[in-house]
Protein backbone atom coordinates (compact mmCIF):
# COMPACT_ATOMS: atom_id res chain seq x y z
CA MET A 1 0.00 0.00 0.00
CA ASP A 2 1.39 3.37 -1.03
CA LEU A 3 1.31 5.90 1.82
CA THR A 4 3.41 8.53 0.05
CA GLY A 5 0.52 10.40 -1.61
CA ASP A 6 -1.87 12.99 -0.23
CA LEU A 7 -3.67 11.06 2.50
CA GLN A 8 -6.50 13.62 2.57
CA GLN A 9 -7.34 12.89 -1.06
CA THR A 10 -6.48 9.18 -1.29
CA LEU A 11 -9.59 6.99 -1.19
CA TRP A 12 -9.59 3.31 -0.23
CA THR A 13 -12.14 0.53 -0.29
CA ALA A 14 -12.59 -1.52 2.89
CA ALA A 15 -10.19 -4.16 1.51
CA GLU A 16 -7.51 -1.57 0.69
CA ALA A 17 -7.98 0.14 4.05
CA ALA A 18 -7.69 -3.21 5.82
CA GLU A 19 -4.46 -4.00 3.99
CA ALA A 20 -2.98 -0.63 4.95
CA ALA A 21 -4.07 -0.98 8.60
CA GLY A 22 -3.02 -4.62 8.87
CA VAL A 23 -6.50 -5.83 9.80
CA ASP A 24 -9.28 -7.91 8.26
CA PRO A 25 -11.73 -6.07 5.96
CA ASN A 26 -14.53 -6.90 8.41
CA VAL A 27 -12.70 -4.84 11.04
CA VAL A 28 -12.89 -1.80 8.76
CA ARG A 29 -16.60 -2.42 8.22
CA ASN A 30 -17.06 -2.66 12.00
CA TRP A 31 -15.24 0.66 12.44
CA LYS A 32 -17.76 2.19 10.03
CA TYR A 33 -20.73 0.53 11.73
CA ARG A 34 -19.58 1.68 15.18
CA GLY A 35 -18.94 5.23 14.02
CA HIS A 36 -15.14 5.13 14.33
CA LEU A 37 -14.70 5.57 10.57
CA LYS A 38 -16.85 7.74 8.32
CA GLN A 39 -17.37 7.10 4.64
CA ALA A 40 -15.74 9.75 2.46
CA ARG A 41 -18.10 12.45 1.20
CA ASN A 42 -17.96 14.77 -1.77
CA ASP A 43 -18.26 18.57 -1.60
CA ALA A 44 -22.07 18.28 -1.69
CA GLY A 45 -22.00 15.97 1.35
CA LYS A 46 -22.99 12.81 -0.51
CA PRO A 47 -21.20 9.55 0.39
CA ILE A 48 -18.55 8.49 -2.13
CA SER A 49 -18.58 4.95 -3.53
CA ASN A 50 -16.64 3.26 -6.31
CA LEU A 51 -18.29 1.98 -9.52
CA ALA A 52 -19.13 -1.32 -7.79
CA GLY A 53 -21.02 0.57 -5.08
CA GLN A 54 -18.45 -0.11 -2.37
CA PRO A 55 -17.99 2.70 0.15
CA LEU A 56 -14.71 4.60 -0.03
CA PHE A 57 -12.77 5.93 2.94
CA ARG A 58 -10.15 8.68 3.13
CA ALA A 59 -6.73 7.23 3.94
CA VAL A 60 -6.15 9.73 6.73
CA ASP A 61 -9.42 8.69 8.41
CA VAL A 62 -8.47 5.01 8.21
CA ILE A 63 -5.11 5.72 9.82
CA ARG A 64 -6.78 7.71 12.60
CA ALA A 65 -9.37 4.97 13.23
CA GLU A 66 -6.65 2.33 13.40
CA ALA A 67 -4.56 4.38 15.82
CA ALA A 68 -7.57 5.06 18.06
CA THR A 69 -8.47 1.37 18.08
CA ARG A 70 -4.95 0.43 19.13
CA ARG A 71 -5.00 3.05 21.91
CA ARG A 72 -8.30 1.71 23.22
CA ALA A 73 -7.02 -1.87 23.07
CA ARG A 74 -4.06 -1.01 25.31
CA ARG A 75 -6.31 0.05 28.17
CA THR A 76 -5.92 -2.09 31.22
CA TYR A 77 -8.45 -2.54 33.95
CA THR A 78 -7.52 -3.62 37.41
CA ALA A 79 -9.62 -6.20 39.14
CA PRO A 80 -11.43 -5.01 42.22
CA VAL A 81 -9.58 -5.75 45.40
CA ALA A 82 -11.39 -8.27 47.53
CA THR A 83 -11.85 -7.25 51.12
CA TYR A 84 -12.45 -9.75 53.86
CA ALA A 85 -14.25 -8.81 57.04
């Protein structure tokens, strides 16, 4: 995956985004479903799709969603301390 171009203008399908992020394409679809990744929109605000009708995502948004997911995954929770009377 070429990351040398303008990441604001580069558009990827879910499969291309998954390859760039190192995840399964279903993960990218889940990001979209959960609101972590928005489908790219044109100047009129309409969602952008390719000729096959697949949603397209801006590369920069994919990178941000992947980074946020990794940050959330690193959270650790401590177990409650048991107290004995």
